[in-house]
C-alpha atoms as a PDB file:
ATOM      1  CA  MET A   1     -18.612  -1.086 -35.010  1.00  0.00           C
ATOM      2  CA  GLU A   2     -20.015  -3.355 -32.461  1.00  0.00           C
ATOM      3  CA  ASN A   3     -18.240  -2.914 -29.514  1.00  0.00           C
ATOM      4  CA  PHE A   4     -18.126   1.026 -29.855  1.00  0.00           C
ATOM      5  CA  SER A   5     -22.133   0.943 -29.568  1.00  0.00           C
ATOM      6  CA  VAL A   6     -24.049   1.939 -26.227  1.00  0.00           C
ATOM      7  CA  HIS A   7     -26.578  -0.452 -25.344  1.00  0.00           C
ATOM      8  CA  ARG A   8     -29.779   1.314 -26.121  1.00  0.00           C
ATOM      9  CA  GLU A   9     -28.124   1.593 -29.710  1.00  0.00           C
ATOM     10  CA  ARG A  10     -27.998  -2.018 -29.785  1.00  0.00           C
ATOM     11  CA  VAL A  11     -31.575  -2.721 -28.683  1.00  0.00           C
ATOM     12  CA  ALA A  12     -32.907  -0.359 -31.401  1.00  0.00           C
ATOM     13  CA  ALA A  13     -30.740  -2.006 -33.887  1.00  0.00           C
ATOM     14  CA  ARG A  14     -31.704  -5.226 -33.584  1.00  0.00           C
ATOM     15  CA  ARG A  15     -35.605  -3.845 -33.400  1.00  0.00           C
ATOM     16  CA  LEU A  16     -35.039  -1.867 -36.585  1.00  0.00           C
ATOM     17  CA  ALA A  17     -33.641  -4.944 -38.556  1.00  0.00           C
ATOM     18  CA  GLN A  18     -36.532  -6.915 -37.085  1.00  0.00           C
ATOM     19  CA  ARG A  19     -38.449  -4.295 -38.445  1.00  0.00           C
ATOM     20  CA  GLU A  20     -37.599  -3.360 -41.747  1.00  0.00           C
ATOM     21  CA  GLY A  21     -36.049  -6.782 -42.390  1.00  0.00           C
ATOM     22  CA  ILE A  22     -32.631  -5.339 -42.954  1.00  0.00           C
ATOM     23  CA  SER A  23     -29.188  -7.045 -41.232  1.00  0.00           C
ATOM     24  CA  VAL A  24     -28.411  -5.792 -37.866  1.00  0.00           C
ATOM     25  CA  PRO A  25     -24.744  -4.231 -38.765  1.00  0.00           C
ATOM     26  CA  LEU A  26     -26.534  -2.217 -41.456  1.00  0.00           C
ATOM     27  CA  ALA A  27     -29.418  -1.282 -38.861  1.00  0.00           C
ATOM     28  CA  LEU A  28     -26.404  -0.168 -35.906  1.00  0.00           C
ATOM     29  CA  GLU A  29     -25.310   1.963 -38.921  1.00  0.00           C
ATOM     30  CA  ARG A  30     -28.456   3.933 -39.289  1.00  0.00           C
ATOM     31  CA  ILE A  31     -28.587   3.912 -35.391  1.00  0.00           C
ATOM     32  CA  LEU A  32     -25.366   5.292 -35.157  1.00  0.00           C
ATOM     33  CA  MET A  33     -25.922   7.829 -37.991  1.00  0.00           C
ATOM     34  CA  GLU A  34     -28.482   9.564 -36.192  1.00  0.00           C
ATOM     35  CA  SER A  35     -26.686   9.698 -32.425  1.00  0.00           C
ATOM     36  CA  ALA A  36     -24.089  11.450 -34.880  1.00  0.00           C
ATOM     37  CA  HIS A  37     -27.098  14.087 -35.887  1.00  0.00           C
ATOM     38  CA  GLY A  38     -25.729  13.979 -39.115  1.00  0.00           C
ATOM     39  CA  GLY A  39     -21.817  14.701 -38.262  1.00  0.00           C
ATOM     40  CA  ASP A  40     -19.073  12.213 -39.083  1.00  0.00           C
ATOM     41  CA  LEU A  41     -19.484   8.951 -38.092  1.00  0.00           C
ATOM     42  CA  ALA A  42     -15.795   8.120 -38.002  1.00  0.00           C
ATOM     43  CA  MET A  43     -15.463  10.835 -35.564  1.00  0.00           C
ATOM     44  CA  LEU A  44     -18.408   9.393 -33.318  1.00  0.00           C
ATOM     45  CA  LEU A  45     -16.922   5.982 -33.359  1.00  0.00           C
ATOM     46  CA  GLU A  46     -13.247   7.247 -32.217  1.00  0.00           C
ATOM     47  CA  ASN A  47     -14.754   9.255 -29.109  1.00  0.00           C
ATOM     48  CA  ARG A  48     -16.660   6.013 -28.625  1.00  0.00           C
ATOM     49  CA  ARG A  49     -13.546   4.074 -28.732  1.00  0.00           C
ATOM     50  CA  LYS A  50     -11.633   6.588 -26.548  1.00  0.00           C
ATOM     51  CA  GLN A  51     -14.461   5.873 -23.982  1.00  0.00           C
ATOM     52  CA  VAL A  52     -14.869   2.422 -24.169  1.00  0.00           C
ATOM     53  CA  SER A  53     -10.729   2.439 -23.552  1.00  0.00           C
ATOM     54  CA  LEU A  54     -10.846   4.812 -20.443  1.00  0.00           C
ATOM     55  CA  LEU A  55     -13.826   2.561 -19.121  1.00  0.00           C
ATOM     56  CA  ASN A  56     -11.883  -0.680 -19.058  1.00  0.00           C
ATOM     57  CA  GLU A  57      -8.743   1.323 -17.992  1.00  0.00           C
ATOM     58  CA  ILE A  58     -10.971   2.113 -14.608  1.00  0.00           C
ATOM     59  CA  LYS A  59     -11.908  -1.094 -14.611  1.00  0.00           C
ATOM     60  CA  GLN A  60      -8.768  -2.659 -14.518  1.00  0.00           C
ATOM     61  CA  LYS A  61      -7.936  -0.557 -11.330  1.00  0.00           C
ATOM     62  CA  LYS A  62     -10.937  -1.202  -9.794  1.00  0.00           C
ATOM     63  CA  HIS A  63      -9.916  -4.704 -10.484  1.00  0.00           C
ATOM     64  CA  ALA A  64      -6.381  -4.526  -9.306  1.00  0.00           C
ATOM     65  CA  ILE A  65      -6.996  -2.450  -6.135  1.00  0.00           C
ATOM     66  CA  SER A  66     -10.440  -5.216  -5.155  1.00  0.00           C
ATOM     67  CA  LYS A  67      -7.301  -8.096  -5.830  1.00  0.00           C
ATOM     68  CA  GLN A  68      -4.997  -6.385  -3.511  1.00  0.00           C
ATOM     69  CA  LYS A  69      -7.596  -5.596  -0.983  1.00  0.00           C
ATOM     70  CA  HIS A  70      -8.243  -9.539  -0.910  1.00  0.00           C
ATOM     71  CA  ARG A  71      -4.979 -10.287  -0.282  1.00  0.00           C
ATOM     72  CA  LEU A  72      -4.207  -8.498   2.200  1.00  0.00           C
ATOM     73  CA  LYS A  73      -7.409  -9.730   3.652  1.00  0.00           C
ATOM     74  CA  MET A  74      -6.306 -13.145   3.241  1.00  0.00           C
ATOM     75  CA  GLU A  75      -3.267 -12.543   5.059  1.00  0.00           C
ATOM     76  CA  ALA A  76      -4.986 -11.132   7.764  1.00  0.00           C
ATOM     77  CA  LYS A  77      -6.646 -13.995   8.062  1.00  0.00           C
ATOM     78  CA  GLN A  78      -3.936 -16.425   8.344  1.00  0.00           C
ATOM     79  CA  THR A  79      -2.217 -14.900  11.404  1.00  0.00           C
ATOM     80  CA  SER A  80      -3.412 -17.391  13.939  1.00  0.00           C
ATOM     81  CA  GLN A  81      -4.649 -16.473  17.770  1.00  0.00           C
ATOM     82  CA  SER A  82      -0.947 -18.348  18.607  1.00  0.00           C
ATOM     83  CA  THR A  83       0.863 -15.584  16.623  1.00  0.00           C
ATOM     84  CA  TRP A  84       2.935 -12.808  17.539  1.00  0.00           C
ATOM     85  CA  CYS A  85       2.153  -9.513  15.902  1.00  0.00           C
ATOM     86  CA  GLY A  86       4.499  -6.528  15.646  1.00  0.00           C
ATOM     87  CA  TRP A  87       4.364  -2.915  13.814  1.00  0.00           C
ATOM     88  CA  PHE A  88       6.945  -0.580  13.046  1.00  0.00           C
ATOM     89  CA  ASP A  89       7.376   2.594  11.644  1.00  0.00           C
ATOM     90  CA  GLY A  90       9.912   5.899  11.408  1.00  0.00           C
ATOM     91  CA  SER A  91      10.350   9.155  10.018  1.00  0.00           C
ATOM     92  CA  ALA A  92      12.411  12.003   9.600  1.00  0.00           C
ATOM     93  CA  LYS A  93      11.644  15.930   9.832  1.00  0.00           C
ATOM     94  CA  PRO A  94      12.705  17.512   7.596  1.00  0.00           C
ATOM     95  CA  ASN A  95      14.108  14.464   5.601  1.00  0.00           C
ATOM     96  CA  PRO A  96      16.855  14.308   6.073  1.00  0.00           C
ATOM     97  CA  GLY A  97      16.625  15.421   9.405  1.00  0.00           C
ATOM     98  CA  LEU A  98      15.433  14.733  13.301  1.00  0.00           C
ATOM     99  CA  CYS A  99      14.455  10.770  13.118  1.00  0.00           C
ATOM    100  CA  ALA A 100      11.670   9.179  15.652  1.00  0.00           C
ATOM    101  CA  ILE A 101      10.821   5.877  15.876  1.00  0.00           C
ATOM    102  CA  GLY A 102       7.402   4.183  16.684  1.00  0.00           C
ATOM    103  CA  ALA A 103       6.609   0.254  17.385  1.00  0.00           C
ATOM    104  CA  VAL A 104       4.036  -2.021  19.014  1.00  0.00           C
ATOM    105  CA  LEU A 105       4.407  -5.605  19.845  1.00  0.00           C
ATOM    106  CA  SER A 106       1.232  -7.169  20.776  1.00  0.00           C
ATOM    107  CA  ALA A 107       1.577 -10.643  22.399  1.00  0.00           C
ATOM    108  CA  PRO A 108      -1.246 -13.952  21.589  1.00  0.00           C
ATOM    109  CA  ASP A 109      -1.902 -13.365  25.100  1.00  0.00           C
ATOM    110  CA  GLY A 110      -3.228  -9.321  24.559  1.00  0.00           C
ATOM    111  CA  ARG A 111      -0.055  -8.456  26.268  1.00  0.00           C
ATOM    112  CA  ARG A 112       1.514  -5.069  24.651  1.00  0.00           C
ATOM    113  CA  TRP A 113       4.990  -3.350  24.267  1.00  0.00           C
ATOM    114  CA  GLU A 114       5.135  -0.030  22.865  1.00  0.00           C
ATOM    115  CA  ILE A 115       8.375   2.227  21.547  1.00  0.00           C
ATOM    116  CA  ASN A 116       8.244   5.449  20.868  1.00  0.00           C
ATOM    117  CA  ARG A 117      11.948   7.586  20.792  1.00  0.00           C
ATOM    118  CA  THR A 118      13.806   9.956  18.636  1.00  0.00           C
ATOM    119  CA  ILE A 119      16.834   8.925  17.654  1.00  0.00           C
ATOM    120  CA  GLY A 120      18.555  11.798  16.528  1.00  0.00           C
ATOM    121  CA  TYR A 121      19.822  13.085  12.952  1.00  0.00           C
ATOM    122  CA  GLY A 122      19.139  11.217   9.673  1.00  0.00           C
ATOM    123  CA  ASN A 123      16.665  10.224   6.987  1.00  0.00           C
ATOM    124  CA  SER A 124      13.444   8.596   6.830  1.00  0.00           C
ATOM    125  CA  SER A 125      14.985   5.477   5.728  1.00  0.00           C
ATOM    126  CA  THR A 126      17.456   4.963   8.554  1.00  0.00           C
ATOM    127  CA  ALA A 127      14.447   5.786  10.872  1.00  0.00           C
ATOM    128  CA  GLU A 128      12.466   3.020   9.118  1.00  0.00           C
ATOM    129  CA  TYR A 129      15.162   0.691  10.048  1.00  0.00           C
ATOM    130  CA  HIS A 130      16.010   1.746  13.481  1.00  0.00           C
ATOM    131  CA  ALA A 131      12.183   1.317  14.505  1.00  0.00           C
ATOM    132  CA  LEU A 132      12.567  -2.301  12.994  1.00  0.00           C
ATOM    133  CA  LEU A 133      15.721  -3.013  14.603  1.00  0.00           C
ATOM    134  CA  ALA A 134      13.951  -1.818  17.979  1.00  0.00           C
ATOM    135  CA  LEU A 135      11.393  -3.835  17.351  1.00  0.00           C
ATOM    136  CA  LEU A 136      13.156  -6.961  16.346  1.00  0.00           C
ATOM    137  CA  GLU A 137      15.641  -6.146  20.044  1.00  0.00           C
ATOM    138  CA  LEU A 138      12.178  -5.889  21.936  1.00  0.00           C
ATOM    139  CA  MET A 139      11.010  -9.484  20.275  1.00  0.00           C
ATOM    140  CA  ARG A 140      14.537 -11.044  21.302  1.00  0.00           C
ATOM    141  CA  GLU A 141      13.742 -10.162  24.677  1.00  0.00           C
ATOM    142  CA  GLN A 142      10.057 -11.846  24.765  1.00  0.00           C
ATOM    143  CA  ALA A 143      11.398 -14.632  23.244  1.00  0.00           C
ATOM    144  CA  CYS A 144       9.080 -14.310  20.076  1.00  0.00           C
ATOM    145  CA  GLN A 145       8.281 -17.331  17.961  1.00  0.00           C
ATOM    146  CA  ASP A 146       5.539 -17.519  14.840  1.00  0.00           C
ATOM    147  CA  ALA A 147       5.468 -13.563  14.751  1.00  0.00           C
ATOM    148  CA  VAL A 148       4.448 -11.677  11.553  1.00  0.00           C
ATOM    149  CA  ILE A 149       6.005  -7.841  11.556  1.00  0.00           C
ATOM    150  CA  TYR A 150       3.975  -5.401   9.686  1.00  0.00           C
ATOM    151  CA  GLY A 151       5.333  -2.013   8.143  1.00  0.00           C
ATOM    152  CA  ASP A 152       4.631   0.608   5.455  1.00  0.00           C
ATOM    153  CA  SER A 153       8.548   1.305   4.236  1.00  0.00           C
ATOM    154  CA  ARG A 154       9.223  -0.370   0.515  1.00  0.00           C
ATOM    155  CA  VAL A 155      12.353   0.706   1.364  1.00  0.00           C
ATOM    156  CA  VAL A 156      13.322  -1.295   4.046  1.00  0.00           C
ATOM    157  CA  ILE A 157      10.773  -4.060   3.504  1.00  0.00           C
ATOM    158  CA  ASP A 158      11.856  -4.631  -0.160  1.00  0.00           C
ATOM    159  CA  ASP A 159      15.583  -4.175   0.567  1.00  0.00           C
ATOM    160  CA  LEU A 160      15.484  -6.908   3.336  1.00  0.00           C
ATOM    161  CA  HIS A 161      13.585  -9.740   0.748  1.00  0.00           C
ATOM    162  CA  ALA A 162      16.101  -8.115  -2.461  1.00  0.00           C
ATOM    163  CA  ASP A 163      18.863 -10.659  -3.486  1.00  0.00           C
ATOM    164  CA  ALA A 164      22.070  -9.296  -2.263  1.00  0.00           C
ATOM    165  CA  ILE A 165      22.954  -7.240  -5.634  1.00  0.00           C
ATOM    166  CA  LYS A 166      19.262  -5.451  -5.608  1.00  0.00           C
ATOM    167  CA  THR A 167      19.996  -4.203  -2.154  1.00  0.00           C
ATOM    168  CA  ALA A 168      20.926  -0.587  -0.878  1.00  0.00           C
ATOM    169  CA  HIS A 169      24.928  -0.144  -0.382  1.00  0.00           C
ATOM    170  CA  SER A 170      23.882   2.494   1.975  1.00  0.00           C
ATOM    171  CA  LEU A 171      21.325   0.321   4.751  1.00  0.00           C
ATOM    172  CA  THR A 172      23.992  -2.724   4.264  1.00  0.00           C
ATOM    173  CA  ASP A 173      24.743  -2.345   7.976  1.00  0.00           C
ATOM    174  CA  TYR A 174      21.040  -1.794   9.274  1.00  0.00           C
ATOM    175  CA  ARG A 175      19.995  -4.810   6.867  1.00  0.00           C
ATOM    176  CA  LEU A 176      22.928  -7.213   8.767  1.00  0.00           C
ATOM    177  CA  GLN A 177      21.623  -6.084  12.003  1.00  0.00           C
ATOM    178  CA  ALA A 178      18.305  -6.904  11.053  1.00  0.00           C
ATOM    179  CA  ASN A 179      18.949 -10.733   9.064  1.00  0.00           C
ATOM    180  CA  ALA A 180      20.987 -11.057  12.327  1.00  0.00           C
ATOM    181  CA  LEU A 181      18.108 -10.972  14.760  1.00  0.00           C
ATOM    182  CA  ILE A 182      15.408 -12.002  12.420  1.00  0.00           C
ATOM    183  CA  GLN A 183      17.628 -15.657  12.489  1.00  0.00           C
ATOM    184  CA  GLN A 184      17.105 -15.283  16.247  1.00  0.00           C
ATOM    185  CA  LEU A 185      13.237 -15.594  15.937  1.00  0.00           C
ATOM    186  CA  PRO A 186      11.993 -18.499  14.289  1.00  0.00           C
ATOM    187  CA  GLY A 187       9.294 -18.420  12.182  1.00  0.00           C
ATOM    188  CA  VAL A 188       9.045 -14.501  12.066  1.00  0.00           C
ATOM    189  CA  ARG A 189       7.781 -13.129   8.836  1.00  0.00           C
ATOM    190  CA  ILE A 190       7.900  -9.517   7.487  1.00  0.00           C
ATOM    191  CA  VAL A 191       4.921  -8.155   5.566  1.00  0.00           C
ATOM    192  CA  TRP A 192       4.412  -4.557   3.722  1.00  0.00           C
ATOM    193  CA  ILE A 193       1.345  -2.793   4.840  1.00  0.00           C
ATOM    194  CA  PRO A 194      -0.489   0.246   3.496  1.00  0.00           C
ATOM    195  CA  ARG A 195       0.388   3.150   5.723  1.00  0.00           C
ATOM    196  CA  ALA A 196      -3.237   3.585   6.572  1.00  0.00           C
ATOM    197  CA  ARG A 197      -3.051   0.068   7.985  1.00  0.00           C
ATOM    198  CA  ASN A 198       0.065   1.363  10.124  1.00  0.00           C
ATOM    199  CA  HIS A 199      -1.778   3.631  12.388  1.00  0.00           C
ATOM    200  CA  ASP A 200      -0.328   3.203  15.782  1.00  0.00           C
ATOM    201  CA  ALA A 201       3.327   2.545  15.108  1.00  0.00           C
ATOM    202  CA  ASP A 202       3.142   5.899  12.877  1.00  0.00           C
ATOM    203  CA  ALA A 203       1.503   7.694  16.345  1.00  0.00           C
ATOM    204  CA  LEU A 204       4.117   6.475  17.871  1.00  0.00           C
ATOM    205  CA  ALA A 205       7.024   7.904  16.086  1.00  0.00           C
ATOM    206  CA  GLU A 206       4.853  11.149  16.260  1.00  0.00           C
ATOM    207  CA  LEU A 207       4.405  11.211  19.674  1.00  0.00           C
ATOM    208  CA  ALA A 208       8.023  11.197  20.105  1.00  0.00           C
ATOM    209  CA  PHE A 209       8.672  14.119  17.939  1.00  0.00           C
ATOM    210  CA  ALA A 210       6.080  15.973  19.975  1.00  0.00           C
ATOM    211  CA  LYS A 211       7.795  14.714  23.328  1.00  0.00           C
ATOM    212  CA  SER A 212      10.894  15.956  21.603  1.00  0.00           C
ATOM    213  CA  MET A 213       9.486  19.612  20.799  1.00  0.00           C
ATOM    214  CA  HIS A 214       7.645  19.517  24.122  1.00  0.00           C
ATOM    215  CA  ASN A 215      11.361  19.314  25.744  1.00  0.00           C
ATOM    216  CA  VAL A 216      12.907  22.226  23.931  1.00  0.00           C
ATOM    217  CA  LYS A 217      10.572  24.443  24.660  1.00  0.00           C
ATOM    218  CA  ASP A 218      11.355  23.219  28.367  1.00  0.00           C
ATOM    219  CA  GLU A 219      14.903  23.621  27.683  1.00  0.00           C
ATOM    220  CA  LYS A 220      14.276  27.483  26.148  1.00  0.00           C
ATOM    221  CA  VAL A 221      11.750  28.293  29.841  1.00  0.00           C
ATOM    222  CA  ILE A 222      14.689  26.953  31.881  1.00  0.00           C
ATOM    223  CA  ASN A 223      17.682  29.121  30.012  1.00  0.00           C
END
């Protein structure tokens, strides 16, 4: 009963117990009966139990979100000034449909490279892999070392990190190509981030879509 009472009721119960010389549990029962306004005490306690359960669930979700934010913050701090950073994103409109990719590579000295282009027909997963492959090719050209790659595709990143028996068969060729390139980049690691933190790569993929639509319109005018 104690667990399903609110703070003010527990305070009132302690005062009542002290004033009338009765036990706190008995005093709390009387206070709760008053809160029930003559109704069913069991129903009141059941409603309180549901409220407590809901509050605990909300607290757990907030705690999980807080832990995730802290983890991402720590990962960001671990990125030293000598680290190359890359971001990739790919999408299909519709899905499957026309695919576009976007990627960004940032060097420790401040230099920056951007990739944005359409790559033909496919689905969102193949587009994400193509974006990663384009970024890895660029990183190889620049002889990147100690690099961190960020992406918001759970499908691609989980596929790269999964055991052989858990990988997606349809993505095998892309995974083999990606791993072959990763082996040529000492110290590279790939980290998942929320989509909101992958804005630049996403914007570049959208720019590729926009360029494609503009070219289609120009062709229609010429014809």
